Protein backbone atom coordinates (compact mmCIF):
# COMPACT_ATOMS: atom_id res chain seq x y z
CA MET A 1 206.84 38.79 60.35
CA ALA A 2 206.00 42.52 60.45
CA LYS A 3 203.69 43.89 57.78
CA VAL A 4 205.65 45.76 55.12
CA LYS A 5 203.72 48.86 54.05
CA SER A 6 203.53 49.45 50.31
CA VAL A 7 204.56 52.79 48.88
CA PHE A 8 203.43 54.10 45.50
CA GLU A 9 204.54 57.30 43.82
CA ASN A 10 200.95 58.52 43.39
CA GLU A 11 197.37 57.36 42.94
CA ALA A 12 197.92 56.74 39.24
CA ALA A 13 200.73 54.27 40.05
CA LEU A 14 198.49 52.62 42.65
CA CYS A 15 195.68 52.20 40.11
CA ALA A 16 198.10 50.91 37.45
CA ALA A 17 199.39 48.19 39.79
CA PHE A 18 195.83 47.19 40.66
CA ILE A 19 194.71 47.03 37.02
CA ALA A 20 197.81 45.03 36.06
CA GLY A 21 196.91 42.44 38.69
CA LEU A 22 193.27 41.98 37.68
CA PRO A 23 192.18 38.39 37.09
CA ASP A 24 190.84 37.28 33.72
CA GLY A 25 187.24 38.19 33.03
CA TRP A 26 187.31 41.78 34.28
CA THR A 27 187.65 44.96 32.21
CA ALA A 28 188.84 48.22 33.80
CA TYR A 29 187.26 51.45 32.51
CA ALA A 30 189.42 54.30 33.82
CA GLU A 31 187.75 57.56 34.87
CA THR A 32 184.26 56.31 34.05
CA ALA A 33 180.83 56.97 35.62
CA GLY A 34 182.40 59.24 38.25
CA PHE A 35 184.83 56.61 39.58
CA ASP A 36 188.60 56.39 39.26
CA ILE A 37 187.99 52.88 37.90
CA LEU A 38 184.78 51.14 36.91
CA LEU A 39 185.39 47.40 36.77
CA VAL A 40 183.04 45.34 34.62
CA ARG A 41 182.78 41.57 34.81
CA GLN A 42 182.62 40.36 31.23
CA THR A 43 180.39 37.37 31.96
CA GLU A 44 177.21 39.22 32.87
CA GLY A 45 178.19 42.87 33.34
CA ALA A 46 178.50 43.15 37.14
CA GLN A 47 180.28 46.38 38.11
CA ILE A 48 182.59 47.61 40.85
CA GLY A 49 183.04 51.34 41.35
CA VAL A 50 186.55 52.02 42.67
CA GLU A 51 187.93 55.18 44.28
CA ALA A 52 191.68 55.35 44.99
CA LYS A 53 193.63 57.20 47.70
CA MET A 54 197.09 56.90 49.21
CA THR A 55 195.54 56.28 52.62
CA LEU A 56 192.11 55.16 53.79
CA ASN A 57 190.38 58.29 55.03
CA ALA A 58 186.91 59.84 55.21
CA LYS A 59 187.34 61.57 51.85
CA VAL A 60 187.81 58.38 49.83
CA LEU A 61 184.93 56.69 51.65
CA LEU A 62 182.63 59.63 50.84
CA GLN A 63 183.72 59.46 47.20
CA ALA A 64 183.13 55.72 47.01
CA ALA A 65 179.71 56.08 48.65
CA GLU A 66 178.60 58.97 46.40
CA GLY A 67 174.94 58.49 45.50
CA LEU A 68 174.75 55.13 47.26
CA TYR A 69 171.71 55.97 49.36
CA ALA A 70 170.25 58.77 47.24
CA GLY A 71 167.11 58.37 45.17
CA ARG A 72 166.11 54.95 46.42
CA GLY A 73 162.83 53.97 44.81
CA ASN A 74 161.35 55.45 41.65
CA GLY A 75 164.17 57.95 41.15
CA GLU A 76 167.08 55.56 41.70
CA ARG A 77 169.96 56.38 39.40
CA ALA A 78 172.45 54.12 37.65
CA ALA A 79 175.12 52.70 39.96
CA PRO A 80 177.61 49.82 40.23
CA ASP A 81 176.80 46.56 42.03
CA PHE A 82 179.78 46.86 44.37
CA ARG A 83 181.91 49.73 45.69
CA ALA A 84 185.53 49.77 46.78
CA ALA A 85 188.19 52.06 48.23
CA LEU A 86 191.62 51.29 46.78
CA VAL A 87 194.66 51.97 49.01
CA PRO A 88 198.27 50.78 49.31
CA TYR A 89 198.89 47.65 51.35
CA GLY A 90 199.21 48.62 55.01
CA ALA A 91 197.56 52.05 54.59
CA ALA A 92 194.15 51.11 56.04
CA GLY A 93 193.52 51.63 59.75
CA VAL A 94 191.26 49.26 61.65
CA GLU A 95 188.76 51.98 62.59
CA MET A 96 188.34 53.31 59.03
CA LYS A 97 187.99 49.77 57.68
CA ALA A 98 185.17 49.19 60.17
CA ILE A 99 183.41 52.35 58.98
CA ALA A 100 183.86 51.24 55.38
CA ARG A 101 182.21 47.92 56.18
CA TYR A 102 179.20 49.71 57.71
CA LEU A 103 178.89 51.73 54.50
CA GLY A 104 179.06 48.63 52.32
CA ILE A 105 182.41 49.63 50.83
CA THR A 106 185.17 47.06 50.41
CA VAL A 107 188.70 48.19 51.22
CA VAL A 108 191.10 46.79 48.63
CA GLU A 109 194.80 46.90 49.53
CA VAL A 110 197.39 46.76 46.75
CA GLN A 111 200.92 45.54 47.41
CA SER A 112 203.79 47.22 45.61
CA GLN A 113 206.59 45.25 44.01
CA ALA A 114 209.07 46.76 46.46
CA SER A 115 207.17 45.45 49.49
CA ARG A 116 206.79 42.03 47.86
CA ASP A 117 210.54 41.91 47.35
CA GLU A 118 211.14 43.01 50.94
CA GLU A 119 208.86 40.29 52.30
CA ALA A 120 210.63 37.66 50.19
CA ARG A 121 214.02 38.91 51.38
CA ALA A 122 212.94 38.86 55.01
CA GLN A 123 211.53 35.36 54.63
CA ALA A 124 214.79 34.14 53.12
CA GLU A 125 216.82 35.64 55.96
CA ARG A 126 214.50 34.07 58.52
CA TRP A 127 215.10 30.62 57.14
CA GLY A 128 218.79 31.17 56.46
CA LEU A 129 218.48 31.00 52.70
CA THR A 130 221.23 32.45 50.54
CA SER A 131 218.87 33.45 47.71
CA TRP A 132 215.33 34.72 47.51
CA ARG A 133 212.71 35.62 44.99
CA SER A 134 209.57 37.73 45.09
CA ARG A 135 206.50 35.54 45.44
CA ASP A 136 204.76 36.97 42.38
CA SER A 137 203.35 33.63 41.30
CA ASP A 138 201.74 32.49 44.56
CA LYS A 139 200.52 35.72 46.11
CA PRO A 140 197.89 38.09 44.63
CA VAL A 141 198.76 41.72 44.02
CA PHE A 142 195.74 42.89 46.02
CA THR A 143 193.35 41.66 48.69
CA PRO A 144 190.55 40.73 49.00
CA GLU A 145 189.82 38.89 45.77
CA LEU A 146 187.09 40.22 43.49
CA PRO A 147 183.62 38.67 43.78
CA ALA A 148 183.39 35.54 41.64
CA LEU A 149 180.33 34.53 39.67
CA GLY A 150 178.64 31.40 40.98
CA LYS A 151 180.38 31.55 44.39
CA TYR A 152 179.19 33.07 47.64
CA ASP A 153 182.21 33.25 49.92
CA TRP A 154 182.87 36.78 48.59
CA ARG A 155 179.87 38.01 50.59
CA GLU A 156 182.14 38.14 53.63
CA GLU A 157 184.07 40.99 51.97
CA TRP A 158 181.75 42.49 49.35
CA ALA A 159 178.32 44.10 49.77
CA ASP A 160 176.06 43.68 46.74
CA HIS A 161 173.97 46.86 46.47
CA CYS A 162 171.79 45.45 43.66
CA PRO A 163 171.20 48.69 41.70
CA ALA A 164 168.06 48.97 39.57
CA GLU A 165 170.30 50.10 36.70
CA ARG A 166 174.04 49.73 36.17
CA CYS A 167 176.36 52.53 35.04
CA LYS A 168 176.64 53.15 31.33
CA VAL A 169 180.07 52.32 29.94
CA PRO A 170 181.63 53.79 26.78
CA ASP A 171 181.85 51.78 23.57
CA TYR A 172 185.64 51.75 23.91
CA VAL A 173 187.88 51.12 26.92
CA PRO A 174 189.32 54.58 27.78
CA ASP A 175 193.01 55.06 26.95
CA VAL A 176 193.56 57.27 29.99
CA ALA A 177 195.39 56.71 33.27
CA ALA A 178 193.14 55.92 36.22
CA GLY A 179 193.69 58.08 39.28
CA ALA A 180 195.65 60.76 37.43
CA SER A 181 195.27 64.40 38.38
CA GLY A 182 192.88 66.20 36.03
CA PRO A 183 192.15 63.14 33.86
CA SER A 184 190.72 63.33 30.35
CA GLN A 185 187.54 61.26 30.36
CA LEU A 186 186.26 59.31 27.39
CA SER A 187 182.65 60.47 27.57
CA GLU A 188 179.87 59.74 25.11
CA TRP A 189 180.26 63.30 23.82
CA LYS A 190 184.02 62.75 23.36
CA ILE A 191 183.44 59.68 21.17
CA LYS A 192 180.99 61.61 18.98
CA ALA A 193 183.48 64.48 18.76
CA ILE A 194 186.20 62.07 17.65
CA LYS A 195 183.89 60.93 14.85
CA ILE A 196 183.39 64.52 13.70
CA CYS A 197 187.17 65.03 13.69
CA ILE A 198 187.66 61.87 11.62
CA VAL A 199 185.08 62.96 9.04
CA LEU A 200 186.76 66.38 8.90
CA GLU A 201 190.17 64.78 8.32
CA ARG A 202 188.93 62.49 5.57
CA ARG A 203 186.68 64.89 3.72
CA GLY A 204 188.18 68.27 4.53
CA PHE A 205 184.83 69.62 5.72
CA VAL A 206 181.75 68.62 7.69
CA THR A 207 178.10 69.48 7.22
CA PRO A 208 175.07 70.07 9.45
CA GLY A 209 173.90 66.65 8.32
CA ASP A 210 177.01 65.04 9.83
CA PHE A 211 176.21 66.55 13.23
CA LYS A 212 172.60 65.44 12.96
CA HIS A 213 173.65 61.89 12.02
CA LEU A 214 176.05 61.65 14.95
CA LYS A 215 173.60 63.36 17.35
CA ILE A 216 175.97 66.07 18.52
CA ASP A 217 175.38 69.82 18.73
CA ARG A 218 177.60 71.91 16.45
CA LYS A 219 177.08 75.25 18.25
CA ARG A 220 179.91 74.57 20.69
CA TRP A 221 182.27 73.81 17.79
CA LEU A 222 181.64 77.22 16.28
CA ASP A 223 181.68 79.08 19.62
CA MET A 224 185.05 77.52 20.53
CA ARG A 225 186.37 78.18 17.00
CA TRP A 226 187.10 74.52 16.46
CA LEU A 227 185.25 74.99 13.17
CA ALA A 228 184.65 77.90 10.83
CA HIS A 229 182.21 78.53 7.99
CA ALA A 230 183.54 77.54 4.58
CA GLU A 231 182.98 79.67 1.50
CA GLU A 232 180.49 77.12 0.28
CA ARG A 233 177.23 77.44 2.17
CA GLY A 234 176.41 74.60 4.58
CA ARG A 235 179.98 73.42 5.07
CA TYR A 236 182.43 73.83 7.94
CA ILE A 237 186.21 73.65 7.85
CA PRO A 238 188.85 73.67 10.64
CA GLY A 239 188.75 76.88 12.63
CA ARG A 240 191.47 78.94 14.26
CA SER A 241 191.67 76.58 17.28
CA PRO A 242 190.98 73.10 15.89
CA LEU A 243 190.17 70.33 18.34
CA ASN A 244 192.99 67.77 18.53
CA LEU A 245 191.46 64.64 19.99
CA ARG A 246 193.93 62.34 18.24
CA ALA A 247 196.62 63.61 20.62
CA ALA A 248 194.34 63.38 23.67
CA HIS A 249 193.11 59.84 22.93
CA PRO A 250 195.51 58.19 20.45
CA VAL A 251 194.35 54.61 21.08
CA ASN A 252 190.63 55.34 21.16
CA TYR A 253 190.94 57.62 18.14
CA GLY A 254 192.42 54.76 16.13
CA GLN A 255 189.72 52.37 17.34
CA VAL A 256 186.90 54.72 16.33
CA GLU A 257 188.64 55.33 13.01
CA ALA A 258 188.85 51.57 12.38
CA ASP A 259 185.07 51.37 12.85
CA PHE A 260 184.43 54.16 10.34
CA ASP A 261 182.22 52.05 8.08
CA LYS A 262 179.95 51.21 11.01
CA TRP A 263 179.07 54.80 11.95
CA LYS A 264 180.00 57.03 9.00
CA PRO A 265 177.47 59.64 7.86
CA ALA A 266 176.22 59.74 4.28
CA GLU A 267 178.33 61.70 1.83
CA PRO A 268 176.70 64.97 0.78
CA GLY A 269 175.58 64.88 -2.85
CA GLU A 270 176.44 67.47 -5.44
CA ALA A 271 172.93 68.83 -5.13
CA PHE A 272 173.15 69.14 -1.33
CA LYS A 273 171.26 72.24 -0.28
CA PRO A 274 170.84 72.72 3.47
CA THR A 275 167.59 74.28 4.65
CA ALA A 276 167.57 77.51 6.59
CA ALA A 277 166.89 75.50 9.78
CA LEU A 278 170.21 73.67 9.41
CA LEU A 279 172.34 76.77 8.92
């Protein structure tokens, strides 16, 4: 039977189908560590850096290989254990797949629901069946399978680059769409900024001590007019262009807010008097 090529509306839809088909034990961090998706195996933290494209070409292979052979030795930087190029099923040419293998990049092909339905329909017609169903239950959404802990057959498809240090992942799984154009990343700075916004909402003002406690520079907040000086010395209130991170990251904002007691700064006392160095 001829191979039915999968078609996705865009890279975000491709990534969404891939993430939806992940096996248990893997967590997908969208737009993290410079990859469209950073997969993390929950058991022991193994990582796969994934770059997505609508077709397998030189650009996606260069993106997936970014930093792979740079800084080997004393200056080696954090990197994932495995690297992958994510494309629709049927969109990977033999020559480009061979190049990917030489680079140590696994080509992962994702099958769309439409192509799964078409294959099931064609199979039914071939055998003269009057009804058909998509083989969702007995066929994986993507190939090849992800490397499994304790097994070694995955070495035929996956190259383990054994980085000296793995990529740092955020404390919360980003509530953003992987592969989207101009994505909003959940960086370490963004999480700290969300905390400042939460303190500002709850208290009505923030202090230099809050920024010091959360280890974030307040200069940018004043330069961007996210904050303004309050009448009371040593306090800041919302500025003319307040930062609205609740709208940008609604899920993560709620998660950080739920953990308020774990990270909250001390409340300023009535006798709080900031030094000149803090102002």
